[in-house]
């Protein structure tokens, strides 16, 4: 995976979720697709996200625990790994350090 995106437009205003525990910026790719580039901040309670589109989250730095949909268990993700969340689903995320990520909408 490349360490950068070339020829993109970035929205200046961030999207802030879950009482400030997730901050992201929307990236418009040259082919018209969109991604978000963001950070999850440490929290004691799971951050819960609902999806409308399928998403693949790529972990850039830090590590986190993720529970997808109705899965009973959390899985650990570290830099270089990614996880997939189906559309019209949800995921819960726990982290005790800053986690940088890219969300690819699929």
C-alpha atoms as a PDB file:
ATOM      1  CA  UNK A   1       0.000   0.000   0.000  1.00  0.00           C
ATOM      2  CA  UNK A   2       1.224   3.440  -0.867  1.00  0.00           C
ATOM      3  CA  UNK A   3       2.052   5.886   1.916  1.00  0.00           C
ATOM      4  CA  UNK A   4       0.340   8.803   0.159  1.00  0.00           C
ATOM      5  CA  UNK A   5      -2.572   9.868  -2.059  1.00  0.00           C
ATOM      6  CA  UNK A   6      -1.762  11.959  -5.136  1.00  0.00           C
ATOM      7  CA  UNK A   7      -4.023  14.384  -7.028  1.00  0.00           C
ATOM      8  CA  UNK A   8      -6.815  14.658  -4.471  1.00  0.00           C
ATOM      9  CA  UNK A   9      -9.091  17.314  -3.024  1.00  0.00           C
ATOM     10  CA  UNK A  10      -9.528  17.491   0.749  1.00  0.00           C
ATOM     11  CA  UNK A  11     -12.412  19.106   2.581  1.00  0.00           C
ATOM     12  CA  UNK A  12     -10.963  21.477   5.166  1.00  0.00           C
ATOM     13  CA  UNK A  13     -13.684  21.068   7.771  1.00  0.00           C
ATOM     14  CA  UNK A  14     -13.299  17.845   9.772  1.00  0.00           C
ATOM     15  CA  UNK A  15     -16.125  15.512  10.709  1.00  0.00           C
ATOM     16  CA  UNK A  16     -16.194  14.886  14.444  1.00  0.00           C
ATOM     17  CA  UNK A  17     -17.880  11.756  15.784  1.00  0.00           C
ATOM     18  CA  UNK A  18     -18.524  10.151  19.152  1.00  0.00           C
ATOM     19  CA  UNK A  19     -17.970  13.196  21.363  1.00  0.00           C
ATOM     20  CA  UNK A  20     -14.636  13.985  19.718  1.00  0.00           C
ATOM     21  CA  UNK A  21     -13.200  10.448  19.895  1.00  0.00           C
ATOM     22  CA  UNK A  22     -13.048  10.225  16.083  1.00  0.00           C
ATOM     23  CA  UNK A  23     -11.970  13.047  13.788  1.00  0.00           C
ATOM     24  CA  UNK A  24     -11.806  12.611  10.012  1.00  0.00           C
ATOM     25  CA  UNK A  25     -11.371  14.541   6.772  1.00  0.00           C
ATOM     26  CA  UNK A  26     -13.091  13.642   3.501  1.00  0.00           C
ATOM     27  CA  UNK A  27     -10.764  13.055   0.543  1.00  0.00           C
ATOM     28  CA  UNK A  28     -12.107  13.301  -3.010  1.00  0.00           C
ATOM     29  CA  UNK A  29     -10.032  11.098  -5.318  1.00  0.00           C
ATOM     30  CA  UNK A  30      -9.291  12.022  -8.945  1.00  0.00           C
ATOM     31  CA  UNK A  31     -11.629   9.210 -10.125  1.00  0.00           C
ATOM     32  CA  UNK A  32     -14.536  10.707  -8.128  1.00  0.00           C
ATOM     33  CA  UNK A  33     -14.469   8.181  -5.283  1.00  0.00           C
ATOM     34  CA  UNK A  34     -14.230   9.305  -1.664  1.00  0.00           C
ATOM     35  CA  UNK A  35     -12.250   8.168   1.340  1.00  0.00           C
ATOM     36  CA  UNK A  36     -11.820   9.501   4.826  1.00  0.00           C
ATOM     37  CA  UNK A  37      -8.521   9.998   6.591  1.00  0.00           C
ATOM     38  CA  UNK A  38      -8.872  10.142  10.335  1.00  0.00           C
ATOM     39  CA  UNK A  39      -7.871   9.383  13.870  1.00  0.00           C
ATOM     40  CA  UNK A  40      -9.500   7.467  16.715  1.00  0.00           C
ATOM     41  CA  UNK A  41      -8.609   8.789  20.159  1.00  0.00           C
ATOM     42  CA  UNK A  42      -8.348   6.560  23.235  1.00  0.00           C
ATOM     43  CA  UNK A  43     -11.608   5.873  25.022  1.00  0.00           C
ATOM     44  CA  UNK A  44     -12.780   3.606  27.818  1.00  0.00           C
ATOM     45  CA  UNK A  45     -16.106   2.828  26.136  1.00  0.00           C
ATOM     46  CA  UNK A  46     -16.506   1.388  22.625  1.00  0.00           C
ATOM     47  CA  UNK A  47     -17.041   3.860  19.800  1.00  0.00           C
ATOM     48  CA  UNK A  48     -20.042   2.632  17.787  1.00  0.00           C
ATOM     49  CA  UNK A  49     -20.413   3.377  14.066  1.00  0.00           C
ATOM     50  CA  UNK A  50     -23.356   2.611  11.768  1.00  0.00           C
ATOM     51  CA  UNK A  51     -22.571   2.075   8.081  1.00  0.00           C
ATOM     52  CA  UNK A  52     -24.694   2.918   5.058  1.00  0.00           C
ATOM     53  CA  UNK A  53     -22.013   1.866   2.546  1.00  0.00           C
ATOM     54  CA  UNK A  54     -19.585  -1.025   2.786  1.00  0.00           C
ATOM     55  CA  UNK A  55     -16.330   0.177   4.341  1.00  0.00           C
ATOM     56  CA  UNK A  56     -12.789  -1.118   4.550  1.00  0.00           C
ATOM     57  CA  UNK A  57     -10.763   0.531   7.306  1.00  0.00           C
ATOM     58  CA  UNK A  58      -7.007   0.429   6.900  1.00  0.00           C
ATOM     59  CA  UNK A  59      -4.988   0.896  10.094  1.00  0.00           C
ATOM     60  CA  UNK A  60      -2.000   3.215   9.531  1.00  0.00           C
ATOM     61  CA  UNK A  61      -0.653   3.497  13.087  1.00  0.00           C
ATOM     62  CA  UNK A  62      -1.684   2.353  16.556  1.00  0.00           C
ATOM     63  CA  UNK A  63      -3.726  -0.698  17.385  1.00  0.00           C
ATOM     64  CA  UNK A  64      -7.379  -1.259  18.153  1.00  0.00           C
ATOM     65  CA  UNK A  65      -9.968  -3.894  18.966  1.00  0.00           C
ATOM     66  CA  UNK A  66     -12.961  -4.135  16.619  1.00  0.00           C
ATOM     67  CA  UNK A  67     -16.266  -5.984  16.873  1.00  0.00           C
ATOM     68  CA  UNK A  68     -18.178  -6.116  13.572  1.00  0.00           C
ATOM     69  CA  UNK A  69     -21.943  -6.564  13.339  1.00  0.00           C
ATOM     70  CA  UNK A  70     -23.213  -9.340  15.596  1.00  0.00           C
ATOM     71  CA  UNK A  71     -19.795 -10.955  16.112  1.00  0.00           C
ATOM     72  CA  UNK A  72     -19.386 -12.035  19.716  1.00  0.00           C
ATOM     73  CA  UNK A  73     -15.677 -11.207  19.924  1.00  0.00           C
ATOM     74  CA  UNK A  74     -13.377  -8.280  19.309  1.00  0.00           C
ATOM     75  CA  UNK A  75     -10.469  -8.753  16.876  1.00  0.00           C
ATOM     76  CA  UNK A  76      -7.138  -6.917  17.227  1.00  0.00           C
ATOM     77  CA  UNK A  77      -5.896  -4.812  14.277  1.00  0.00           C
ATOM     78  CA  UNK A  78      -2.432  -3.289  13.895  1.00  0.00           C
ATOM     79  CA  UNK A  79      -0.701  -1.120  11.244  1.00  0.00           C
ATOM     80  CA  UNK A  80      -0.845  -2.668   7.789  1.00  0.00           C
ATOM     81  CA  UNK A  81      -4.058  -4.574   8.524  1.00  0.00           C
ATOM     82  CA  UNK A  82      -7.583  -3.638   7.531  1.00  0.00           C
ATOM     83  CA  UNK A  83     -11.091  -4.793   8.325  1.00  0.00           C
ATOM     84  CA  UNK A  84     -14.275  -4.858   6.266  1.00  0.00           C
ATOM     85  CA  UNK A  85     -17.710  -3.759   7.447  1.00  0.00           C
ATOM     86  CA  UNK A  86     -20.743  -4.576   5.256  1.00  0.00           C
ATOM     87  CA  UNK A  87     -23.214  -1.862   4.295  1.00  0.00           C
ATOM     88  CA  UNK A  88     -26.149  -1.314   6.657  1.00  0.00           C
ATOM     89  CA  UNK A  89     -24.187  -2.781   9.544  1.00  0.00           C
ATOM     90  CA  UNK A  90     -22.239  -1.491  12.511  1.00  0.00           C
ATOM     91  CA  UNK A  91     -18.922  -1.876  14.255  1.00  0.00           C
ATOM     92  CA  UNK A  92     -17.566  -1.132  17.716  1.00  0.00           C
ATOM     93  CA  UNK A  93     -14.006   0.032  18.218  1.00  0.00           C
ATOM     94  CA  UNK A  94     -11.854   0.214  21.367  1.00  0.00           C
ATOM     95  CA  UNK A  95      -8.368   1.683  21.557  1.00  0.00           C
ATOM     96  CA  UNK A  96      -6.084   2.824  24.357  1.00  0.00           C
ATOM     97  CA  UNK A  97      -3.743   4.752  22.041  1.00  0.00           C
ATOM     98  CA  UNK A  98      -4.173   7.062  19.055  1.00  0.00           C
ATOM     99  CA  UNK A  99      -5.075   5.118  15.905  1.00  0.00           C
ATOM    100  CA  UNK A 100      -4.625   6.655  12.432  1.00  0.00           C
ATOM    101  CA  UNK A 101      -6.778   5.128   9.701  1.00  0.00           C
ATOM    102  CA  UNK A 102      -8.048   5.436   6.140  1.00  0.00           C
ATOM    103  CA  UNK A 103     -11.640   4.460   5.385  1.00  0.00           C
ATOM    104  CA  UNK A 104     -12.212   3.174   1.856  1.00  0.00           C
ATOM    105  CA  UNK A 105     -15.874   3.207   0.833  1.00  0.00           C
ATOM    106  CA  UNK A 106     -16.710   0.186  -1.312  1.00  0.00           C
END
